[in-house]
Amino acid sequence: MGAEVAGVDLSAPVDEDLRAALRRAWLGAGVLVFHDQSLSAVGFERVARLFGEPAEYPFLRGLAGHPTITEVVKLEHEVINFGGVWHADTTYLPAPPIATLLIARETPAYGGDTLFACQAAAFAALSDGMQRLLAPLRGVNRSDNPAAARTREDRIRDAGREGDARALEAVHPVVRTHPETGRRALFVNPAHTVRLEGMTREESAPLLSYLFERQVRSELTCRVGWRPGTLAIWDNRTLLHNPVNDYHGHRRVMHRITLEGEIPT
């Protein structure tokens, strides 16, 4: 899982052959990383459209004139980072985004990497019996689960959308089939999945806790290091990610775009 792409300047026009090659590589690797990219906000949006249609984030306002680009910032005095828990993006939406793009604008002197975990590999590593048990189950995902909500409280206070403090909830298969690759992957995560449909949180906790541990074992992960101009795109349908919060006292500024979603099946 994971690949670095060299020799591609995304500020230049991308023809159909290159676009198709990048998409094949992305579907195969799950996360693609491009270093040393010089992209304006307009250029960043254009790159995003190579893979899908940009969508607005439900809780935060975008940049002025660019509503689909949200700024992800941790300042020198802050100790909590945005999204600092293993998760797939906004699985509390009926149609979660198919992908996320992140470009580094300012990076700390050390740290600030992002971990990714392959959920197709996580599912494949389970026993046949566990796979059969999970196949018909559905998970309830909420935006107000404390594991994730506490990481965005300050951001919503500073840049939240008017009237968007509501809690969002969606129910999705515990195991989803990727519509393009056909691979089956776990589709629960510690940040947003609060229980199994038809069960209480207490009843759901043993199985979910087991899955949350199995999802992020080190052999299923890769690690992306950032410098200004690094851009990554990852498949939200088959990966979890976790921004490592190990750079207290330093500033980190990223720009983020999510791509319009699809209903998991």
Protein backbone atom coordinates (compact mmCIF):
# COMPACT_ATOMS: atom_id res chain seq x y z
CA MET A 1 0.00 0.00 0.00
CA GLY A 2 1.10 3.52 -0.77
CA ALA A 3 3.18 4.94 -3.63
CA GLU A 4 5.21 8.04 -4.38
CA VAL A 5 4.85 9.52 -7.86
CA ALA A 6 7.93 11.18 -9.36
CA GLY A 7 8.37 13.15 -12.55
CA VAL A 8 4.86 14.66 -12.61
CA ASP A 9 4.27 18.41 -12.33
CA LEU A 10 0.61 18.76 -11.38
CA SER A 11 0.67 22.51 -12.08
CA ALA A 12 0.99 21.65 -15.79
CA PRO A 13 -1.88 20.33 -17.92
CA VAL A 14 -2.60 16.63 -17.38
CA ASP A 15 -3.66 14.77 -20.50
CA GLU A 16 -6.08 11.84 -20.53
CA ASP A 17 -3.37 9.17 -20.68
CA LEU A 18 -1.62 10.55 -17.60
CA ARG A 19 -4.92 11.03 -15.77
CA ALA A 20 -5.86 7.40 -16.44
CA ALA A 21 -2.41 6.19 -15.33
CA LEU A 22 -2.62 8.17 -12.09
CA ARG A 23 -6.10 6.82 -11.39
CA ARG A 24 -4.94 3.22 -11.95
CA ALA A 25 -2.00 3.80 -9.61
CA TRP A 26 -4.27 5.37 -6.98
CA LEU A 27 -6.74 2.47 -7.07
CA GLY A 28 -3.88 0.02 -6.76
CA ALA A 29 -1.92 1.77 -4.00
CA GLY A 30 -4.71 3.41 -2.03
CA VAL A 31 -2.67 6.56 -1.37
CA LEU A 32 -0.51 8.48 -3.85
CA VAL A 33 2.09 11.04 -2.73
CA PHE A 34 3.51 13.83 -4.93
CA HIS A 35 6.33 15.97 -3.53
CA ASP A 36 7.40 19.49 -4.53
CA GLN A 37 4.12 20.57 -6.10
CA SER A 38 3.51 24.31 -6.56
CA LEU A 39 -0.26 24.66 -6.66
CA SER A 40 -2.50 27.66 -6.12
CA ALA A 41 -5.99 27.12 -4.72
CA VAL A 42 -7.30 27.02 -8.30
CA GLY A 43 -4.63 24.51 -9.26
CA PHE A 44 -5.39 22.35 -6.24
CA GLU A 45 -9.07 22.25 -7.23
CA ARG A 46 -8.12 21.36 -10.80
CA VAL A 47 -6.00 18.43 -9.58
CA ALA A 48 -8.86 17.23 -7.37
CA ARG A 49 -11.14 17.13 -10.42
CA LEU A 50 -8.81 14.59 -12.04
CA PHE A 51 -10.19 12.10 -9.52
CA GLY A 52 -13.72 13.33 -8.78
CA GLU A 53 -15.86 16.32 -7.92
CA PRO A 54 -14.86 18.45 -4.90
CA ALA A 55 -17.43 18.68 -2.11
CA GLU A 56 -17.86 21.09 0.80
CA TYR A 57 -17.05 19.89 4.32
CA PRO A 58 -20.23 19.87 6.46
CA PHE A 59 -18.84 21.63 9.55
CA LEU A 60 -16.19 24.15 8.46
CA ARG A 61 -16.23 27.05 6.01
CA GLY A 62 -13.83 26.79 3.11
CA LEU A 63 -11.32 29.37 1.96
CA ALA A 64 -12.72 32.64 0.65
CA GLY A 65 -13.70 32.04 -2.96
CA HIS A 66 -12.89 28.34 -2.66
CA PRO A 67 -15.60 26.73 -0.52
CA THR A 68 -14.42 23.16 -1.14
CA ILE A 69 -10.92 23.85 0.27
CA THR A 70 -10.72 23.72 4.06
CA GLU A 71 -7.65 24.78 6.00
CA VAL A 72 -6.32 22.27 8.51
CA VAL A 73 -4.16 24.15 11.00
CA LYS A 74 -2.42 23.38 14.26
CA LEU A 75 -0.80 26.44 15.83
CA GLU A 76 2.22 26.59 18.10
CA HIS A 77 0.18 26.87 21.31
CA GLU A 78 -2.30 24.09 20.48
CA VAL A 79 -2.02 20.52 21.76
CA ILE A 80 -4.98 18.88 19.96
CA ASN A 81 -4.73 18.34 16.21
CA PHE A 82 -7.69 18.23 13.84
CA GLY A 83 -8.77 14.65 13.13
CA GLY A 84 -6.13 13.19 15.44
CA VAL A 85 -7.62 9.69 15.67
CA TRP A 86 -7.85 6.74 13.29
CA HIS A 87 -10.77 7.39 10.92
CA ALA A 88 -12.20 7.44 7.44
CA ASP A 89 -13.51 10.87 6.53
CA THR A 90 -17.12 11.81 7.39
CA THR A 91 -18.59 8.31 7.46
CA TYR A 92 -21.52 9.90 9.31
CA LEU A 93 -22.75 11.11 5.89
CA PRO A 94 -25.13 8.94 3.81
CA ALA A 95 -22.60 9.08 0.95
CA PRO A 96 -19.10 9.53 2.45
CA PRO A 97 -16.44 11.07 0.18
CA ILE A 98 -14.69 8.68 -2.15
CA ALA A 99 -11.34 10.37 -1.55
CA THR A 100 -9.44 13.13 0.22
CA LEU A 101 -6.63 15.31 -1.07
CA LEU A 102 -4.25 17.12 1.28
CA ILE A 103 -1.47 19.51 0.34
CA ALA A 104 1.11 20.82 2.81
CA ARG A 105 1.53 24.61 2.97
CA GLU A 106 3.61 24.90 6.19
CA THR A 107 5.19 21.96 8.01
CA PRO A 108 6.82 21.64 11.45
CA ALA A 109 10.54 21.23 11.96
CA TYR A 110 9.88 17.60 12.85
CA GLY A 111 6.94 15.21 13.07
CA GLY A 112 3.45 15.72 11.68
CA ASP A 113 3.40 12.56 9.55
CA THR A 114 0.15 10.83 8.58
CA LEU A 115 -0.43 7.09 9.00
CA PHE A 116 -2.64 5.07 6.65
CA ALA A 117 -4.07 1.58 7.18
CA CYS A 118 -5.42 -0.67 4.42
CA GLN A 119 -8.87 -1.99 5.28
CA ALA A 120 -9.00 -4.46 2.40
CA ALA A 121 -5.92 -6.13 3.87
CA ALA A 122 -7.46 -5.93 7.34
CA PHE A 123 -10.58 -7.75 6.16
CA ALA A 124 -8.59 -10.34 4.19
CA ALA A 125 -6.56 -11.17 7.33
CA LEU A 126 -9.68 -12.18 9.27
CA SER A 127 -10.76 -15.81 9.52
CA ASP A 128 -13.45 -17.14 7.19
CA GLY A 129 -15.78 -17.44 10.17
CA MET A 130 -15.29 -13.82 11.20
CA GLN A 131 -15.77 -12.65 7.62
CA ARG A 132 -19.08 -14.51 7.44
CA LEU A 133 -20.15 -13.05 10.79
CA LEU A 134 -19.41 -9.50 9.69
CA ALA A 135 -20.88 -9.70 6.19
CA PRO A 136 -24.53 -8.88 7.09
CA LEU A 137 -23.78 -6.36 9.86
CA ARG A 138 -24.21 -2.60 9.58
CA GLY A 139 -22.49 0.08 11.64
CA VAL A 140 -24.03 3.27 13.01
CA ASN A 141 -21.73 6.26 12.42
CA ARG A 142 -22.14 9.61 14.20
CA SER A 143 -20.44 12.97 13.93
CA ASP A 144 -20.69 13.66 17.66
CA ASN A 145 -18.71 10.64 18.85
CA PRO A 146 -16.30 12.21 21.40
CA ALA A 147 -13.27 10.43 19.90
CA ALA A 148 -13.51 12.68 16.83
CA ALA A 149 -15.67 15.60 17.97
CA ARG A 150 -13.11 16.84 20.50
CA THR A 151 -10.50 17.22 17.70
CA ARG A 152 -12.60 19.77 15.80
CA GLU A 153 -14.25 21.78 18.61
CA ASP A 154 -11.81 24.70 18.36
CA ARG A 155 -11.99 24.74 14.55
CA ILE A 156 -15.80 24.83 14.53
CA ARG A 157 -15.75 27.67 17.05
CA ASP A 158 -13.36 29.67 14.85
CA ALA A 159 -14.55 28.73 11.34
CA GLY A 160 -17.71 26.69 11.71
CA ARG A 161 -20.67 27.00 9.39
CA GLU A 162 -23.64 28.96 10.70
CA GLY A 163 -26.23 26.58 12.14
CA ASP A 164 -24.18 23.43 11.53
CA ALA A 165 -23.67 22.28 15.12
CA ARG A 166 -26.14 19.43 14.56
CA ALA A 167 -25.15 15.80 14.96
CA LEU A 168 -25.16 13.73 11.77
CA GLU A 169 -25.75 9.99 11.61
CA ALA A 170 -25.54 7.37 8.87
CA VAL A 171 -25.68 3.57 8.78
CA HIS A 172 -23.27 1.69 6.53
CA PRO A 173 -22.19 -1.92 5.93
CA VAL A 174 -19.45 -3.11 8.26
CA VAL A 175 -17.89 -4.69 5.17
CA ARG A 176 -18.17 -2.77 1.90
CA THR A 177 -17.26 -3.75 -1.64
CA HIS A 178 -15.14 -1.26 -3.55
CA PRO A 179 -17.14 -0.35 -6.68
CA GLU A 180 -14.06 -0.05 -8.90
CA THR A 181 -11.70 -2.76 -7.67
CA GLY A 182 -14.21 -5.25 -6.28
CA ARG A 183 -12.15 -5.68 -3.11
CA ARG A 184 -14.00 -6.08 0.17
CA ALA A 185 -12.86 -3.90 3.05
CA LEU A 186 -13.79 -3.15 6.64
CA PHE A 187 -15.80 0.05 6.84
CA VAL A 188 -15.89 0.89 10.54
CA ASN A 189 -13.60 3.26 12.38
CA PRO A 190 -12.93 4.36 15.99
CA ALA A 191 -13.75 8.01 15.31
CA HIS A 192 -17.29 7.65 13.99
CA THR A 193 -18.66 4.10 14.38
CA VAL A 194 -20.49 4.04 17.71
CA ARG A 195 -22.44 0.77 17.59
CA LEU A 196 -23.84 -1.95 15.37
CA GLU A 197 -27.33 -1.58 13.97
CA GLY A 198 -29.91 -3.36 16.13
CA MET A 199 -27.56 -3.49 19.13
CA THR A 200 -26.78 -1.20 22.03
CA ARG A 201 -23.38 0.42 22.39
CA GLU A 202 -22.58 -1.95 25.25
CA GLU A 203 -23.49 -5.00 23.17
CA SER A 204 -21.52 -3.71 20.17
CA ALA A 205 -18.39 -2.74 22.08
CA PRO A 206 -16.58 -6.13 22.23
CA LEU A 207 -16.76 -6.77 18.49
CA LEU A 208 -16.04 -3.18 17.49
CA SER A 209 -13.10 -2.97 19.89
CA TYR A 210 -11.66 -6.13 18.35
CA LEU A 211 -12.04 -4.73 14.84
CA PHE A 212 -10.59 -1.34 15.77
CA GLU A 213 -7.45 -3.07 17.05
CA ARG A 214 -7.16 -5.35 14.02
CA GLN A 215 -7.64 -2.48 11.57
CA VAL A 216 -4.46 -0.60 12.43
CA ARG A 217 -1.82 -3.26 13.03
CA SER A 218 1.56 -2.01 11.87
CA GLU A 219 1.87 -4.49 9.00
CA LEU A 220 -1.25 -2.94 7.41
CA THR A 221 0.07 0.62 7.46
CA CYS A 222 2.25 3.08 5.62
CA ARG A 223 3.50 6.48 6.78
CA VAL A 224 3.58 9.70 4.78
CA GLY A 225 6.06 12.44 5.65
CA TRP A 226 5.24 16.00 4.60
CA ARG A 227 7.17 19.02 3.43
CA PRO A 228 5.78 22.20 1.84
CA GLY A 229 4.37 21.24 -1.55
CA THR A 230 3.70 17.59 -0.69
CA LEU A 231 0.30 16.47 -1.94
CA ALA A 232 -1.42 13.18 -1.12
CA ILE A 233 -4.67 11.67 -2.35
CA TRP A 234 -6.15 8.64 -0.64
CA ASP A 235 -9.10 6.34 -1.17
CA ASN A 236 -11.56 6.92 1.66
CA ARG A 237 -13.42 3.73 0.72
CA THR A 238 -10.61 1.40 1.71
CA LEU A 239 -8.21 3.30 4.00
CA LEU A 240 -8.17 4.70 7.50
CA HIS A 241 -5.79 7.53 8.33
CA ASN A 242 -4.40 9.16 11.46
CA PRO A 243 -2.39 12.42 11.60
CA VAL A 244 0.35 11.94 14.17
CA ASN A 245 0.29 14.63 16.87
CA ASP A 246 4.00 14.77 17.75
CA TYR A 247 5.03 18.36 16.99
CA HIS A 248 3.81 20.50 19.89
CA GLY A 249 5.17 24.05 19.75
CA HIS A 250 5.30 24.06 15.95
CA ARG A 251 2.91 25.25 13.26
CA ARG A 252 1.39 22.98 10.59
CA VAL A 253 -0.88 24.29 7.81
CA MET A 254 -2.54 22.01 5.27
CA HIS A 255 -5.25 22.51 2.65
CA ARG A 256 -7.84 19.76 2.22
CA ILE A 257 -10.39 18.76 -0.41
CA THR A 258 -12.80 15.84 -0.19
CA LEU A 259 -14.46 14.40 -3.27
CA GLU A 260 -18.19 13.83 -3.63
CA GLY A 261 -19.25 10.55 -2.13
CA GLU A 262 -21.17 7.42 -2.95
CA ILE A 263 -23.44 5.20 -0.89
CA PRO A 264 -21.38 2.23 0.42
CA THR A 265 -22.56 -1.25 -0.53
